[in-house]
């Protein structure tokens, strides 16, 4: 199923400046993992050494934080949008 992944500005240097990428996947994890195959180095920026999302990376599926759904195993449907949102720190 084709889903769209929105790439934040901070990671667009890995995608040649592309802000949205369409991939075929059935889960959020498969969609994000597919980015590594297409864009070398992408996976290490969003996944830790154990294959989990890094603490400072938030992922939303249709405006829902996947941490409150089924995490990387959250199923996706045709046409849904996945957004990668880096955490913002400040003081």
N, C-alpha and C. Protein backbone atom coordinates (compact mmCIF):
# COMPACT_ATOMS: atom_id res chain seq x y z
N UNK A 1 0.83 -1.18 0.00
CA UNK A 1 0.00 0.00 0.00
C UNK A 1 0.88 1.24 0.00
N UNK A 2 0.52 2.19 -0.77
CA UNK A 2 1.31 3.42 -0.84
C UNK A 2 0.92 4.37 0.29
N UNK A 3 1.94 4.78 1.04
CA UNK A 3 1.76 5.78 2.08
C UNK A 3 2.78 6.88 1.84
N UNK A 4 2.50 8.06 2.36
CA UNK A 4 3.40 9.19 2.20
C UNK A 4 4.13 9.43 3.51
N UNK A 5 5.44 9.64 3.42
CA UNK A 5 6.23 9.99 4.59
C UNK A 5 6.69 11.43 4.42
N UNK A 6 6.37 12.26 5.41
CA UNK A 6 6.82 13.65 5.41
C UNK A 6 8.16 13.72 6.11
N UNK A 7 9.13 14.27 5.42
CA UNK A 7 10.50 14.35 5.91
C UNK A 7 10.75 15.75 6.47
N UNK A 8 11.25 15.84 7.72
CA UNK A 8 11.52 17.16 8.29
C UNK A 8 12.72 17.81 7.62
N UNK A 9 12.78 19.10 7.70
CA UNK A 9 13.85 19.87 7.06
C UNK A 9 15.22 19.36 7.47
N UNK A 10 15.39 18.99 8.74
CA UNK A 10 16.69 18.55 9.24
C UNK A 10 17.19 17.27 8.57
N UNK A 11 16.32 16.49 7.97
CA UNK A 11 16.72 15.23 7.34
C UNK A 11 16.67 15.27 5.81
N UNK A 12 16.27 16.37 5.27
CA UNK A 12 16.12 16.44 3.81
C UNK A 12 17.43 16.38 3.04
N UNK A 13 18.56 16.64 3.70
CA UNK A 13 19.84 16.50 2.99
C UNK A 13 20.07 15.05 2.61
N UNK A 14 19.44 14.12 3.34
CA UNK A 14 19.56 12.69 3.03
C UNK A 14 18.68 12.28 1.86
N UNK A 15 17.64 13.06 1.58
CA UNK A 15 16.69 12.72 0.51
C UNK A 15 16.85 13.63 -0.71
N UNK A 16 17.95 14.33 -0.77
CA UNK A 16 18.17 15.23 -1.90
C UNK A 16 17.22 16.41 -1.90
N UNK A 17 16.73 16.79 -0.72
CA UNK A 17 15.85 17.95 -0.59
C UNK A 17 14.37 17.61 -0.67
N UNK A 18 14.05 16.36 -0.91
CA UNK A 18 12.64 15.96 -1.04
C UNK A 18 11.95 15.99 0.32
N UNK A 19 10.78 16.62 0.37
CA UNK A 19 10.04 16.76 1.62
C UNK A 19 8.98 15.70 1.85
N UNK A 20 8.56 15.01 0.80
CA UNK A 20 7.57 13.94 0.92
C UNK A 20 7.99 12.79 0.01
N UNK A 21 7.91 11.59 0.58
CA UNK A 21 8.30 10.39 -0.16
C UNK A 21 7.17 9.38 -0.06
N UNK A 22 6.84 8.77 -1.16
CA UNK A 22 5.80 7.75 -1.17
C UNK A 22 6.47 6.38 -1.17
N UNK A 23 6.01 5.51 -0.26
CA UNK A 23 6.56 4.16 -0.16
C UNK A 23 5.43 3.16 -0.06
N UNK A 24 5.72 1.91 -0.40
CA UNK A 24 4.77 0.82 -0.22
C UNK A 24 5.15 0.09 1.06
N UNK A 25 4.22 0.02 1.99
CA UNK A 25 4.47 -0.66 3.26
C UNK A 25 3.14 -0.98 3.92
N UNK A 26 3.20 -1.94 4.86
CA UNK A 26 1.98 -2.28 5.59
C UNK A 26 2.03 -1.88 7.05
N UNK A 27 3.22 -1.45 7.53
CA UNK A 27 3.35 -0.93 8.89
C UNK A 27 4.22 0.32 8.87
N UNK A 28 4.15 1.07 9.96
CA UNK A 28 4.99 2.27 10.07
C UNK A 28 6.47 1.87 10.03
N UNK A 29 6.83 0.81 10.75
CA UNK A 29 8.22 0.37 10.77
C UNK A 29 8.74 -0.02 9.40
N UNK A 30 7.92 -0.71 8.62
CA UNK A 30 8.32 -1.10 7.27
C UNK A 30 8.49 0.13 6.38
N UNK A 31 7.62 1.10 6.55
CA UNK A 31 7.72 2.33 5.75
C UNK A 31 9.01 3.08 6.08
N UNK A 32 9.29 3.24 7.37
CA UNK A 32 10.51 3.95 7.77
C UNK A 32 11.75 3.16 7.41
N UNK A 33 11.71 1.85 7.56
CA UNK A 33 12.83 1.00 7.19
C UNK A 33 13.13 1.06 5.71
N UNK A 34 12.10 1.23 4.91
CA UNK A 34 12.27 1.34 3.47
C UNK A 34 13.04 2.57 3.06
N UNK A 35 13.01 3.58 3.90
CA UNK A 35 13.76 4.80 3.58
C UNK A 35 15.26 4.55 3.58
N UNK A 36 15.72 3.65 4.47
CA UNK A 36 17.15 3.34 4.53
C UNK A 36 17.63 2.72 3.22
N UNK A 37 16.82 1.85 2.62
CA UNK A 37 17.20 1.25 1.35
C UNK A 37 17.31 2.26 0.23
N UNK A 38 16.45 3.25 0.27
CA UNK A 38 16.44 4.26 -0.79
C UNK A 38 17.39 5.42 -0.51
N UNK A 39 17.60 5.72 0.75
CA UNK A 39 18.42 6.88 1.15
C UNK A 39 19.40 6.46 2.23
N UNK A 40 20.59 6.07 1.81
CA UNK A 40 21.63 5.56 2.71
C UNK A 40 21.87 6.52 3.88
N UNK A 41 21.90 5.99 5.09
CA UNK A 41 22.15 6.78 6.28
C UNK A 41 20.91 7.27 6.98
N UNK A 42 19.76 7.11 6.34
CA UNK A 42 18.51 7.59 6.93
C UNK A 42 18.18 6.81 8.20
N UNK A 43 18.32 5.51 8.15
CA UNK A 43 17.98 4.66 9.28
C UNK A 43 18.75 4.99 10.53
N UNK A 44 20.04 5.24 10.39
CA UNK A 44 20.85 5.53 11.58
C UNK A 44 20.49 6.87 12.21
N UNK A 45 19.86 7.72 11.48
CA UNK A 45 19.42 9.01 12.03
C UNK A 45 18.14 8.89 12.84
N UNK A 46 17.29 7.90 12.54
CA UNK A 46 16.02 7.80 13.26
C UNK A 46 15.91 6.58 14.16
N UNK A 47 16.74 5.54 13.91
CA UNK A 47 16.70 4.32 14.73
C UNK A 47 17.95 4.21 15.58
N UNK A 48 17.79 3.63 16.79
CA UNK A 48 18.94 3.35 17.64
C UNK A 48 19.55 2.01 17.24
N UNK A 49 20.55 1.56 17.97
CA UNK A 49 21.24 0.31 17.66
C UNK A 49 20.39 -0.93 17.81
N UNK A 50 19.24 -0.80 18.49
CA UNK A 50 18.33 -1.93 18.69
C UNK A 50 17.14 -1.90 17.74
N UNK A 51 17.17 -0.96 16.79
CA UNK A 51 16.08 -0.89 15.81
C UNK A 51 14.84 -0.16 16.28
N UNK A 52 14.95 0.52 17.42
CA UNK A 52 13.82 1.31 17.94
C UNK A 52 14.02 2.77 17.57
N UNK A 53 12.94 3.53 17.59
CA UNK A 53 13.06 4.97 17.31
C UNK A 53 13.94 5.63 18.36
N UNK A 54 14.76 6.53 17.92
CA UNK A 54 15.57 7.32 18.87
C UNK A 54 14.62 8.16 19.72
N UNK A 55 15.06 8.45 20.94
CA UNK A 55 14.22 9.20 21.89
C UNK A 55 13.74 10.54 21.33
N UNK A 56 14.58 11.19 20.57
CA UNK A 56 14.28 12.54 20.10
C UNK A 56 13.54 12.56 18.76
N UNK A 57 13.13 11.41 18.28
CA UNK A 57 12.38 11.34 17.02
C UNK A 57 10.95 10.94 17.33
N UNK A 58 10.01 11.77 16.93
CA UNK A 58 8.58 11.47 17.09
C UNK A 58 8.01 11.14 15.72
N UNK A 59 7.16 10.14 15.70
CA UNK A 59 6.53 9.73 14.43
C UNK A 59 5.03 9.72 14.64
N UNK A 60 4.34 10.35 13.71
CA UNK A 60 2.89 10.45 13.77
C UNK A 60 2.28 9.79 12.54
N UNK A 61 1.19 9.09 12.76
CA UNK A 61 0.41 8.52 11.67
C UNK A 61 -0.95 9.18 11.74
N UNK A 62 -1.28 9.94 10.71
CA UNK A 62 -2.56 10.66 10.68
C UNK A 62 -2.76 11.44 11.98
N UNK A 63 -1.75 12.19 12.40
CA UNK A 63 -1.78 13.07 13.57
C UNK A 63 -1.82 12.34 14.91
N UNK A 64 -1.60 11.02 14.92
CA UNK A 64 -1.55 10.24 16.16
C UNK A 64 -0.11 9.78 16.40
N UNK A 65 0.42 10.04 17.58
CA UNK A 65 1.75 9.59 17.95
C UNK A 65 1.76 8.06 17.98
N UNK A 66 2.66 7.44 17.21
CA UNK A 66 2.65 5.98 17.13
C UNK A 66 3.01 5.32 18.46
N UNK A 67 3.63 6.07 19.37
CA UNK A 67 3.95 5.50 20.69
C UNK A 67 2.67 5.16 21.46
N UNK A 68 1.58 5.81 21.11
CA UNK A 68 0.30 5.55 21.77
C UNK A 68 -0.58 4.62 20.94
N UNK A 69 -0.04 4.15 19.83
CA UNK A 69 -0.74 3.17 18.99
C UNK A 69 -0.01 1.84 19.19
N UNK A 70 0.52 1.29 18.14
CA UNK A 70 1.25 0.02 18.24
C UNK A 70 2.73 0.19 17.91
N UNK A 71 3.23 1.41 18.10
CA UNK A 71 4.63 1.67 17.81
C UNK A 71 4.95 1.43 16.35
N UNK A 72 6.13 0.88 16.10
CA UNK A 72 6.55 0.61 14.73
C UNK A 72 5.69 -0.45 14.05
N UNK A 73 4.96 -1.23 14.85
CA UNK A 73 4.08 -2.27 14.30
C UNK A 73 2.70 -1.73 13.91
N UNK A 74 2.49 -0.43 14.05
CA UNK A 74 1.20 0.17 13.70
C UNK A 74 0.92 -0.04 12.22
N UNK A 75 -0.22 -0.66 11.89
CA UNK A 75 -0.56 -0.86 10.48
C UNK A 75 -0.90 0.47 9.80
N UNK A 76 -0.60 0.52 8.51
CA UNK A 76 -0.93 1.69 7.71
C UNK A 76 -1.87 1.30 6.59
N UNK A 77 -2.69 2.25 6.18
CA UNK A 77 -3.63 2.03 5.09
C UNK A 77 -3.23 2.89 3.90
N UNK A 78 -3.67 2.48 2.75
CA UNK A 78 -3.43 3.21 1.51
C UNK A 78 -3.74 4.69 1.69
N UNK A 79 -2.79 5.54 1.31
CA UNK A 79 -3.00 6.98 1.32
C UNK A 79 -2.73 7.67 2.64
N UNK A 80 -2.42 6.92 3.69
CA UNK A 80 -2.15 7.57 4.97
C UNK A 80 -0.83 8.32 4.92
N UNK A 81 -0.67 9.26 5.87
CA UNK A 81 0.53 10.09 5.93
C UNK A 81 1.26 9.82 7.25
N UNK A 82 2.55 9.55 7.13
CA UNK A 82 3.43 9.39 8.28
C UNK A 82 4.29 10.64 8.35
N UNK A 83 4.36 11.26 9.51
CA UNK A 83 5.19 12.46 9.69
C UNK A 83 6.28 12.17 10.69
N UNK A 84 7.53 12.49 10.32
CA UNK A 84 8.66 12.38 11.22
C UNK A 84 8.88 13.78 11.79
N UNK A 85 8.86 13.87 13.12
CA UNK A 85 8.98 15.17 13.77
C UNK A 85 10.07 15.10 14.83
N UNK A 86 11.21 15.75 14.59
CA UNK A 86 12.26 15.76 15.60
C UNK A 86 11.77 16.52 16.84
N UNK A 87 12.18 16.04 18.01
CA UNK A 87 11.82 16.73 19.25
C UNK A 87 12.49 18.10 19.28
N UNK A 88 11.80 19.04 19.89
CA UNK A 88 12.31 20.40 20.00
C UNK A 88 12.70 20.64 21.46
N UNK A 89 13.93 21.09 21.66
CA UNK A 89 14.39 21.38 23.01
C UNK A 89 14.65 22.88 23.11
N UNK A 90 14.52 23.36 24.26
CA UNK A 90 14.79 24.79 24.45
C UNK A 90 14.66 25.13 25.91
N UNK A 91 14.89 26.36 26.17
CA UNK A 91 14.83 26.73 27.58
C UNK A 91 14.58 28.18 27.77
